[in-house]
């Protein structure tokens, strides 16, 4: 967990959010933007989970966010 937080520059204060993310069902996506961290799980598919989480993050911070994890794997790219 600590290595992920450091590698992805996720604030330590967001640790509980990341821990909740790991306990969710899949498909799911973990998103970060400007220190704000959010996630969405969606049984329809990873694309739906990613799209919903990115929209939630962008609405909250007012600028583009990046996909950190999809399910339990690092995202294929750092932003989408």
Protein backbone atom coordinates (compact mmCIF):
# COMPACT_ATOMS: atom_id res chain seq x y z
CA UNK A 1 0.00 0.00 0.00
CA UNK A 2 2.73 2.46 0.95
CA UNK A 3 4.64 1.77 -2.26
CA UNK A 4 1.53 2.43 -4.34
CA UNK A 5 0.82 5.70 -2.53
CA UNK A 6 4.40 6.88 -3.07
CA UNK A 7 4.69 5.72 -6.67
CA UNK A 8 1.43 7.35 -7.69
CA UNK A 9 1.97 10.46 -5.54
CA UNK A 10 -1.27 9.85 -3.67
CA UNK A 11 -1.46 11.82 -0.41
CA UNK A 12 -1.14 9.66 2.75
CA UNK A 13 -4.45 11.15 3.93
CA UNK A 14 -6.14 9.25 1.07
CA UNK A 15 -4.97 5.85 2.36
CA UNK A 16 -8.42 4.90 3.71
CA UNK A 17 -9.99 5.62 0.31
CA UNK A 18 -7.45 3.37 -1.40
CA UNK A 19 -8.02 0.63 1.19
CA UNK A 20 -11.79 0.79 0.53
CA UNK A 21 -11.09 0.58 -3.19
CA UNK A 22 -9.22 -2.71 -2.75
CA UNK A 23 -12.18 -4.22 -0.88
CA UNK A 24 -14.69 -3.47 -3.67
CA UNK A 25 -15.97 -5.88 -6.29
CA UNK A 26 -14.66 -5.60 -9.85
CA UNK A 27 -14.72 -3.99 -12.40
CA UNK A 28 -13.44 -0.87 -10.69
CA UNK A 29 -11.17 2.12 -11.31
CA UNK A 30 -9.12 4.29 -8.95
CA UNK A 31 -8.67 7.88 -10.13
CA UNK A 32 -6.46 10.74 -8.87
CA UNK A 33 -6.33 14.41 -9.67
CA UNK A 34 -4.54 17.17 -7.78
CA UNK A 35 -4.47 15.13 -4.58
CA UNK A 36 -8.17 14.22 -4.81
CA UNK A 37 -8.69 10.43 -4.96
CA UNK A 38 -11.92 8.66 -5.90
CA UNK A 39 -13.09 5.35 -7.30
CA UNK A 40 -16.08 3.71 -8.91
CA UNK A 41 -17.06 0.07 -9.23
CA UNK A 42 -19.52 -0.89 -11.96
CA UNK A 43 -20.73 -4.37 -12.81
CA UNK A 44 -21.29 -3.35 -16.46
CA UNK A 45 -17.54 -3.16 -17.18
CA UNK A 46 -14.22 -1.45 -16.66
CA UNK A 47 -14.96 1.27 -19.24
CA UNK A 48 -18.09 2.30 -17.35
CA UNK A 49 -16.25 2.27 -14.02
CA UNK A 50 -13.38 4.36 -15.41
CA UNK A 51 -15.67 6.85 -17.15
CA UNK A 52 -17.80 7.41 -14.04
CA UNK A 53 -14.79 7.84 -11.74
CA UNK A 54 -13.03 10.24 -14.14
CA UNK A 55 -16.19 12.33 -14.46
CA UNK A 56 -16.63 12.46 -10.67
CA UNK A 57 -13.02 13.56 -10.18
CA UNK A 58 -13.09 16.15 -12.96
CA UNK A 59 -16.34 17.61 -11.64
CA UNK A 60 -14.85 17.87 -8.14
CA UNK A 61 -11.52 19.49 -9.06
CA UNK A 62 -12.40 21.20 -12.34
CA UNK A 63 -9.54 19.77 -14.40
CA UNK A 64 -8.48 16.45 -15.95
CA UNK A 65 -7.74 13.49 -13.68
CA UNK A 66 -5.78 10.29 -14.26
CA UNK A 67 -6.53 6.61 -13.94
CA UNK A 68 -4.24 4.99 -11.35
CA UNK A 69 -5.61 1.44 -11.14
CA UNK A 70 -8.09 -0.66 -13.05
CA UNK A 71 -9.25 -3.54 -10.91
CA UNK A 72 -5.98 -4.53 -9.18
CA UNK A 73 -3.55 -3.55 -11.93
CA UNK A 74 -1.85 -0.27 -12.80
CA UNK A 75 -3.67 1.58 -15.54
CA UNK A 76 -2.31 1.10 -19.06
CA UNK A 77 -1.67 4.85 -19.28
CA UNK A 78 -1.36 7.49 -16.62
CA UNK A 79 -4.28 9.53 -17.98
CA UNK A 80 -7.34 8.93 -20.10
